[in-house]
PDB file of all heavy atoms in Angstrom:
ATOM      1  N   ASP A   1     -70.986  49.196  77.435  1.00  0.00           N
ATOM      2  CA  ASP A   1     -72.202  48.898  76.666  1.00  0.00           C
ATOM      3  C   ASP A   1     -72.135  47.462  76.150  1.00  0.00           C
ATOM      4  O   ASP A   1     -71.969  47.216  74.961  1.00  0.00           O
ATOM      5  CB  ASP A   1     -72.324  49.885  75.500  1.00  0.00           C
ATOM      6  CG  ASP A   1     -73.594  49.692  74.696  1.00  0.00           C
ATOM      7  OD1 ASP A   1     -74.619  49.321  75.293  1.00  0.00           O
ATOM      8  OD2 ASP A   1     -73.564  49.910  73.465  1.00  0.00           O
ATOM      9  N   PRO A   2     -72.276  46.465  77.046  1.00  0.00           N
ATOM     10  CA  PRO A   2     -72.088  45.072  76.622  1.00  0.00           C
ATOM     11  C   PRO A   2     -73.258  44.495  75.839  1.00  0.00           C
ATOM     12  O   PRO A   2     -73.065  43.617  75.001  1.00  0.00           O
ATOM     13  CB  PRO A   2     -71.912  44.337  77.947  1.00  0.00           C
ATOM     14  CG  PRO A   2     -72.671  45.167  78.932  1.00  0.00           C
ATOM     15  CD  PRO A   2     -72.497  46.585  78.488  1.00  0.00           C
ATOM     16  N   LEU A   3     -74.479  44.969  76.097  1.00  0.00           N
ATOM     17  CA  LEU A   3     -75.669  44.348  75.503  1.00  0.00           C
ATOM     18  C   LEU A   3     -76.576  45.422  74.926  1.00  0.00           C
ATOM     19  O   LEU A   3     -77.690  45.666  75.410  1.00  0.00           O
ATOM     20  CB  LEU A   3     -76.409  43.510  76.546  1.00  0.00           C
ATOM     21  CG  LEU A   3     -75.620  42.346  77.158  1.00  0.00           C
ATOM     22  CD1 LEU A   3     -76.396  41.720  78.304  1.00  0.00           C
ATOM     23  CD2 LEU A   3     -75.305  41.296  76.095  1.00  0.00           C
ATOM     24  N   THR A   4     -76.116  46.058  73.856  1.00  0.00           N
ATOM     25  CA  THR A   4     -76.845  47.169  73.258  1.00  0.00           C
ATOM     26  C   THR A   4     -78.276  46.783  72.897  1.00  0.00           C
ATOM     27  O   THR A   4     -78.507  45.766  72.235  1.00  0.00           O
ATOM     28  CB  THR A   4     -76.124  47.657  71.989  1.00  0.00           C
ATOM     29  OG1 THR A   4     -74.747  47.844  72.276  1.00  0.00           O
ATOM     30  CG2 THR A   4     -76.723  48.962  71.491  1.00  0.00           C
ATOM     31  N   PHE A   5     -79.236  47.592  73.335  1.00  0.00           N
ATOM     32  CA  PHE A   5     -80.663  47.472  73.032  1.00  0.00           C
ATOM     33  C   PHE A   5     -81.344  46.266  73.682  1.00  0.00           C
ATOM     34  O   PHE A   5     -82.578  46.151  73.618  1.00  0.00           O
ATOM     35  CB  PHE A   5     -80.926  47.434  71.518  1.00  0.00           C
ATOM     36  CG  PHE A   5     -80.516  48.683  70.803  1.00  0.00           C
ATOM     37  CD1 PHE A   5     -79.400  48.716  69.991  1.00  0.00           C
ATOM     38  CD2 PHE A   5     -81.253  49.848  70.936  1.00  0.00           C
ATOM     39  CE1 PHE A   5     -79.012  49.864  69.333  1.00  0.00           C
ATOM     40  CE2 PHE A   5     -80.876  51.010  70.282  1.00  0.00           C
ATOM     41  CZ  PHE A   5     -79.752  51.021  69.478  1.00  0.00           C
ATOM     42  N   MET A   6     -80.609  45.372  74.298  1.00  0.00           N
ATOM     43  CA  MET A   6     -81.244  44.226  74.945  1.00  0.00           C
ATOM     44  C   MET A   6     -82.086  44.672  76.141  1.00  0.00           C
ATOM     45  O   MET A   6     -83.134  44.079  76.416  1.00  0.00           O
ATOM     46  CB  MET A   6     -80.193  43.217  75.381  1.00  0.00           C
ATOM     47  CG  MET A   6     -79.449  42.543  74.233  1.00  0.00           C
ATOM     48  SD  MET A   6     -80.502  41.511  73.181  1.00  0.00           S
ATOM     49  CE  MET A   6     -80.805  40.124  74.271  1.00  0.00           C
ATOM     50  N   ASP A   7     -81.641  45.723  76.846  1.00  0.00           N
ATOM     51  CA  ASP A   7     -82.426  46.218  77.968  1.00  0.00           C
ATOM     52  C   ASP A   7     -83.731  46.849  77.497  1.00  0.00           C
ATOM     53  O   ASP A   7     -84.760  46.750  78.168  1.00  0.00           O
ATOM     54  CB  ASP A   7     -81.615  47.214  78.796  1.00  0.00           C
ATOM     55  CG  ASP A   7     -81.051  48.356  77.956  1.00  0.00           C
ATOM     56  OD1 ASP A   7     -80.979  48.224  76.718  1.00  0.00           O
ATOM     57  OD2 ASP A   7     -80.671  49.383  78.553  1.00  0.00           O
ATOM     58  N   VAL A   8     -83.704  47.469  76.313  1.00  0.00           N
ATOM     59  CA  VAL A   8     -84.938  48.041  75.755  1.00  0.00           C
ATOM     60  C   VAL A   8     -85.911  46.923  75.400  1.00  0.00           C
ATOM     61  O   VAL A   8     -87.114  47.014  75.675  1.00  0.00           O
ATOM     62  CB  VAL A   8     -84.617  48.903  74.521  1.00  0.00           C
ATOM     63  CG1 VAL A   8     -85.906  49.438  73.894  1.00  0.00           C
ATOM     64  CG2 VAL A   8     -83.694  50.057  74.897  1.00  0.00           C
ATOM     65  N   LEU A   9     -85.400  45.866  74.805  1.00  0.00           N
ATOM     66  CA  LEU A   9     -86.245  44.723  74.453  1.00  0.00           C
ATOM     67  C   LEU A   9     -86.883  44.121  75.700  1.00  0.00           C
ATOM     68  O   LEU A   9     -88.088  43.817  75.720  1.00  0.00           O
ATOM     69  CB  LEU A   9     -85.406  43.674  73.732  1.00  0.00           C
ATOM     70  CG  LEU A   9     -86.131  42.389  73.324  1.00  0.00           C
ATOM     71  CD1 LEU A   9     -87.152  42.675  72.242  1.00  0.00           C
ATOM     72  CD2 LEU A   9     -85.130  41.338  72.844  1.00  0.00           C
ATOM     73  N   LEU A  10     -86.095  43.950  76.750  1.00  0.00           N
ATOM     74  CA  LEU A  10     -86.624  43.412  77.995  1.00  0.00           C
ATOM     75  C   LEU A  10     -87.687  44.332  78.577  1.00  0.00           C
ATOM     76  O   LEU A  10     -88.725  43.874  79.076  1.00  0.00           O
ATOM     77  CB  LEU A  10     -85.481  43.223  79.002  1.00  0.00           C
ATOM     78  CG  LEU A  10     -85.856  42.621  80.364  1.00  0.00           C
ATOM     79  CD1 LEU A  10     -86.379  41.197  80.186  1.00  0.00           C
ATOM     80  CD2 LEU A  10     -84.640  42.619  81.293  1.00  0.00           C
ATOM     81  N   ASN A  11     -87.467  45.630  78.467  1.00  0.00           N
ATOM     82  CA  ASN A  11     -88.401  46.601  79.029  1.00  0.00           C
ATOM     83  C   ASN A  11     -89.776  46.522  78.383  1.00  0.00           C
ATOM     84  O   ASN A  11     -90.806  46.553  79.077  1.00  0.00           O
ATOM     85  CB  ASN A  11     -87.822  48.006  78.880  1.00  0.00           C
ATOM     86  CG  ASN A  11     -88.786  49.095  79.309  1.00  0.00           C
ATOM     87  OD1 ASN A  11     -89.464  49.702  78.481  1.00  0.00           O
ATOM     88  ND2 ASN A  11     -88.840  49.349  80.613  1.00  0.00           N
ATOM     89  N   VAL A  12     -89.836  46.401  77.049  1.00  0.00           N
ATOM     90  CA  VAL A  12     -91.142  46.441  76.374  1.00  0.00           C
ATOM     91  C   VAL A  12     -91.967  45.187  76.647  1.00  0.00           C
ATOM     92  O   VAL A  12     -93.187  45.201  76.462  1.00  0.00           O
ATOM     93  CB  VAL A  12     -90.997  46.653  74.848  1.00  0.00           C
ATOM     94  CG1 VAL A  12     -90.317  47.974  74.554  1.00  0.00           C
ATOM     95  CG2 VAL A  12     -90.270  45.499  74.186  1.00  0.00           C
ATOM     96  N   TYR A  13     -91.300  44.111  77.110  1.00  0.00           N
ATOM     97  CA  TYR A  13     -92.054  42.892  77.409  1.00  0.00           C
ATOM     98  C   TYR A  13     -92.247  42.651  78.904  1.00  0.00           C
ATOM     99  O   TYR A  13     -92.798  41.620  79.290  1.00  0.00           O
ATOM    100  CB  TYR A  13     -91.379  41.678  76.758  1.00  0.00           C
ATOM    101  CG  TYR A  13     -91.675  41.596  75.281  1.00  0.00           C
ATOM    102  CD1 TYR A  13     -90.681  41.757  74.337  1.00  0.00           C
ATOM    103  CD2 TYR A  13     -92.980  41.392  74.829  1.00  0.00           C
ATOM    104  CE1 TYR A  13     -90.953  41.708  72.986  1.00  0.00           C
ATOM    105  CE2 TYR A  13     -93.270  41.345  73.479  1.00  0.00           C
ATOM    106  CZ  TYR A  13     -92.260  41.502  72.560  1.00  0.00           C
ATOM    107  OH  TYR A  13     -92.549  41.453  71.221  1.00  0.00           O
ATOM    108  N   THR A  14     -91.816  43.586  79.723  1.00  0.00           N
ATOM    109  CA  THR A  14     -92.025  43.436  81.170  1.00  0.00           C
ATOM    110  C   THR A  14     -92.755  44.632  81.771  1.00  0.00           C
ATOM    111  O   THR A  14     -93.049  44.627  82.965  1.00  0.00           O
ATOM    112  CB  THR A  14     -90.678  43.262  81.899  1.00  0.00           C
ATOM    113  OG1 THR A  14     -89.834  44.383  81.627  1.00  0.00           O
ATOM    114  CG2 THR A  14     -89.997  41.976  81.464  1.00  0.00           C
ATOM    115  N   THR A  15     -93.048  45.642  80.960  1.00  0.00           N
ATOM    116  CA  THR A  15     -93.714  46.853  81.446  1.00  0.00           C
ATOM    117  C   THR A  15     -95.184  46.817  81.070  1.00  0.00           C
ATOM    118  O   THR A  15     -95.519  46.685  79.893  1.00  0.00           O
ATOM    119  CB  THR A  15     -93.048  48.105  80.854  1.00  0.00           C
ATOM    120  OG1 THR A  15     -91.660  48.102  81.201  1.00  0.00           O
ATOM    121  CG2 THR A  15     -93.702  49.372  81.388  1.00  0.00           C
ATOM    122  N   ALA A  16     -96.046  46.935  82.061  1.00  0.00           N
ATOM    123  CA  ALA A  16     -97.481  46.760  81.834  1.00  0.00           C
ATOM    124  C   ALA A  16     -98.162  48.016  81.300  1.00  0.00           C
ATOM    125  O   ALA A  16     -99.175  47.925  80.607  1.00  0.00           O
ATOM    126  CB  ALA A  16     -98.165  46.311  83.129  1.00  0.00           C
ATOM    127  N   LYS A  17     -97.626  49.195  81.614  1.00  0.00           N
ATOM    128  CA  LYS A  17     -98.296  50.435  81.223  1.00  0.00           C
ATOM    129  C   LYS A  17     -97.461  51.198  80.206  1.00  0.00           C
ATOM    130  O   LYS A  17     -96.241  51.293  80.334  1.00  0.00           O
ATOM    131  CB  LYS A  17     -98.540  51.315  82.451  1.00  0.00           C
ATOM    132  CG  LYS A  17     -99.496  50.710  83.464  1.00  0.00           C
ATOM    133  CD  LYS A  17     -99.730  51.670  84.633  1.00  0.00           C
ATOM    134  CE  LYS A  17    -100.706  51.086  85.637  1.00  0.00           C
ATOM    135  NZ  LYS A  17    -100.930  52.004  86.791  1.00  0.00           N
ATOM    136  N   MET A  18     -98.135  51.773  79.218  1.00  0.00           N
ATOM    137  CA  MET A  18     -97.447  52.508  78.171  1.00  0.00           C
ATOM    138  C   MET A  18     -96.636  53.661  78.746  1.00  0.00           C
ATOM    139  O   MET A  18     -95.519  53.935  78.301  1.00  0.00           O
ATOM    140  CB  MET A  18     -98.472  53.035  77.157  1.00  0.00           C
ATOM    141  CG  MET A  18     -97.883  53.464  75.840  1.00  0.00           C
ATOM    142  SD  MET A  18     -97.331  52.065  74.805  1.00  0.00           S
ATOM    143  CE  MET A  18     -98.912  51.367  74.327  1.00  0.00           C
ATOM    144  N   ASP A  19     -97.169  54.342  79.743  1.00  0.00           N
ATOM    145  CA  ASP A  19     -96.481  55.495  80.322  1.00  0.00           C
ATOM    146  C   ASP A  19     -95.189  55.108  81.031  1.00  0.00           C
ATOM    147  O   ASP A  19     -94.320  55.964  81.249  1.00  0.00           O
ATOM    148  CB  ASP A  19     -97.396  56.237  81.300  1.00  0.00           C
ATOM    149  CG  ASP A  19     -98.555  56.930  80.604  1.00  0.00           C
ATOM    150  OD1 ASP A  19     -98.454  57.150  79.379  1.00  0.00           O
ATOM    151  OD2 ASP A  19     -99.563  57.229  81.278  1.00  0.00           O
ATOM    152  N   ASP A  20     -95.051  53.846  81.410  1.00  0.00           N
ATOM    153  CA  ASP A  20     -93.868  53.405  82.159  1.00  0.00           C
ATOM    154  C   ASP A  20     -92.768  52.831  81.277  1.00  0.00           C
ATOM    155  O   ASP A  20     -91.739  52.376  81.790  1.00  0.00           O
ATOM    156  CB  ASP A  20     -94.283  52.339  83.197  1.00  0.00           C
ATOM    157  CG  ASP A  20     -95.205  52.912  84.266  1.00  0.00           C
ATOM    158  OD1 ASP A  20     -95.162  54.131  84.493  1.00  0.00           O
ATOM    159  OD2 ASP A  20     -95.972  52.124  84.860  1.00  0.00           O
ATOM    160  N   LEU A  21     -92.960  52.852  79.960  1.00  0.00           N
ATOM    161  CA  LEU A  21     -91.937  52.326  79.064  1.00  0.00           C
ATOM    162  C   LEU A  21     -90.649  53.131  79.168  1.00  0.00           C
ATOM    163  O   LEU A  21     -90.660  54.342  79.431  1.00  0.00           O
ATOM    164  CB  LEU A  21     -92.425  52.355  77.617  1.00  0.00           C
ATOM    165  CG  LEU A  21     -93.497  51.343  77.199  1.00  0.00           C
ATOM    166  CD1 LEU A  21     -93.943  51.628  75.782  1.00  0.00           C
ATOM    167  CD2 LEU A  21     -92.978  49.914  77.326  1.00  0.00           C
ATOM    168  N   ASP A  22     -89.523  52.461  78.937  1.00  0.00           N
ATOM    169  CA  ASP A  22     -88.227  53.120  78.862  1.00  0.00           C
ATOM    170  C   ASP A  22     -88.292  54.224  77.795  1.00  0.00           C
ATOM    171  O   ASP A  22     -88.848  54.016  76.714  1.00  0.00           O
ATOM    172  CB  ASP A  22     -87.169  52.077  78.477  1.00  0.00           C
ATOM    173  CG  ASP A  22     -85.755  52.636  78.489  1.00  0.00           C
ATOM    174  OD1 ASP A  22     -85.484  53.583  77.731  1.00  0.00           O
ATOM    175  OD2 ASP A  22     -84.922  52.104  79.239  1.00  0.00           O
ATOM    176  N   PRO A  23     -87.748  55.416  78.091  1.00  0.00           N
ATOM    177  CA  PRO A  23     -87.798  56.509  77.095  1.00  0.00           C
ATOM    178  C   PRO A  23     -87.227  56.112  75.735  1.00  0.00           C
ATOM    179  O   PRO A  23     -87.704  56.575  74.692  1.00  0.00           O
ATOM    180  CB  PRO A  23     -86.954  57.606  77.755  1.00  0.00           C
ATOM    181  CG  PRO A  23     -87.079  57.353  79.216  1.00  0.00           C
ATOM    182  CD  PRO A  23     -87.144  55.854  79.354  1.00  0.00           C
ATOM    183  N   ARG A  24     -86.199  55.240  75.725  1.00  0.00           N
ATOM    184  CA  ARG A  24     -85.638  54.812  74.437  1.00  0.00           C
ATOM    185  C   ARG A  24     -86.623  53.955  73.668  1.00  0.00           C
ATOM    186  O   ARG A  24     -86.684  54.013  72.427  1.00  0.00           O
ATOM    187  CB  ARG A  24     -84.341  54.049  74.677  1.00  0.00           C
ATOM    188  CG  ARG A  24     -83.193  54.915  75.194  1.00  0.00           C
ATOM    189  CD  ARG A  24     -82.034  54.052  75.621  1.00  0.00           C
ATOM    190  NE  ARG A  24     -82.409  53.166  76.714  1.00  0.00           N
ATOM    191  CZ  ARG A  24     -81.682  52.128  77.128  1.00  0.00           C
ATOM    192  NH1 ARG A  24     -80.557  51.834  76.498  1.00  0.00           N
ATOM    193  NH2 ARG A  24     -82.085  51.383  78.132  1.00  0.00           N
ATOM    194  N   ALA A  25     -87.424  53.151  74.372  1.00  0.00           N
ATOM    195  CA  ALA A  25     -88.459  52.361  73.709  1.00  0.00           C
ATOM    196  C   ALA A  25     -89.527  53.279  73.126  1.00  0.00           C
ATOM    197  O   ALA A  25     -90.006  53.072  72.004  1.00  0.00           O
ATOM    198  CB  ALA A  25     -89.076  51.377  74.694  1.00  0.00           C
ATOM    199  N   LYS A  26     -89.900  54.305  73.881  1.00  0.00           N
ATOM    200  CA  LYS A  26     -90.903  55.248  73.381  1.00  0.00           C
ATOM    201  C   LYS A  26     -90.407  55.959  72.131  1.00  0.00           C
ATOM    202  O   LYS A  26     -91.179  56.212  71.195  1.00  0.00           O
ATOM    203  CB  LYS A  26     -91.243  56.267  74.471  1.00  0.00           C
ATOM    204  CG  LYS A  26     -92.056  55.701  75.625  1.00  0.00           C
ATOM    205  CD  LYS A  26     -92.416  56.796  76.621  1.00  0.00           C
ATOM    206  CE  LYS A  26     -93.266  56.258  77.757  1.00  0.00           C
ATOM    207  NZ  LYS A  26     -93.622  57.309  78.737  1.00  0.00           N
ATOM    208  N   GLU A  27     -89.098  56.280  72.106  1.00  0.00           N
ATOM    209  CA  GLU A  27     -88.545  56.934  70.917  1.00  0.00           C
ATOM    210  C   GLU A  27     -88.711  56.070  69.677  1.00  0.00           C
ATOM    211  O   GLU A  27     -89.076  56.559  68.607  1.00  0.00           O
ATOM    212  CB  GLU A  27     -87.063  57.237  71.136  1.00  0.00           C
ATOM    213  CG  GLU A  27     -86.784  58.409  72.049  1.00  0.00           C
ATOM    214  CD  GLU A  27     -85.302  58.687  72.163  1.00  0.00           C
ATOM    215  OE1 GLU A  27     -84.509  57.732  72.031  1.00  0.00           O
ATOM    216  OE2 GLU A  27     -84.943  59.851  72.373  1.00  0.00           O
ATOM    217  N   LEU A  28     -88.444  54.777  69.821  1.00  0.00           N
ATOM    218  CA  LEU A  28     -88.539  53.882  68.671  1.00  0.00           C
ATOM    219  C   LEU A  28     -89.979  53.688  68.222  1.00  0.00           C
ATOM    220  O   LEU A  28     -90.230  53.354  67.064  1.00  0.00           O
ATOM    221  CB  LEU A  28     -87.914  52.530  69.018  1.00  0.00           C
ATOM    222  CG  LEU A  28     -86.419  52.540  69.355  1.00  0.00           C
ATOM    223  CD1 LEU A  28     -85.951  51.132  69.672  1.00  0.00           C
ATOM    224  CD2 LEU A  28     -85.609  53.126  68.220  1.00  0.00           C
ATOM    225  N   LEU A  29     -90.928  53.877  69.135  1.00  0.00           N
ATOM    226  CA  LEU A  29     -92.337  53.650  68.824  1.00  0.00           C
ATOM    227  C   LEU A  29     -93.091  54.940  68.568  1.00  0.00           C
ATOM    228  O   LEU A  29     -94.308  54.936  68.453  1.00  0.00           O
ATOM    229  CB  LEU A  29     -92.996  52.882  69.976  1.00  0.00           C
ATOM    230  CG  LEU A  29     -92.434  51.469  70.228  1.00  0.00           C
ATOM    231  CD1 LEU A  29     -93.001  50.893  71.517  1.00  0.00           C
ATOM    232  CD2 LEU A  29     -92.733  50.550  69.059  1.00  0.00           C
ATOM    233  N   THR A  30     -92.358  56.066  68.474  1.00  0.00           N
ATOM    234  CA  THR A  30     -92.975  57.368  68.219  1.00  0.00           C
ATOM    235  C   THR A  30     -92.534  57.862  66.847  1.00  0.00           C
ATOM    236  O   THR A  30     -91.334  57.969  66.567  1.00  0.00           O
ATOM    237  CB  THR A  30     -92.575  58.388  69.302  1.00  0.00           C
ATOM    238  OG1 THR A  30     -92.982  57.893  70.580  1.00  0.00           O
ATOM    239  CG2 THR A  30     -93.240  59.728  69.046  1.00  0.00           C
TER     240      THR A  30
END
């Protein structure tokens, strides 16, 4: 686990549709 949460951050700014967000990102936004 070298870069904790950095992949989630990258996901929310590169994913165009809400349904395609990383499940961990959805958890933080739910």
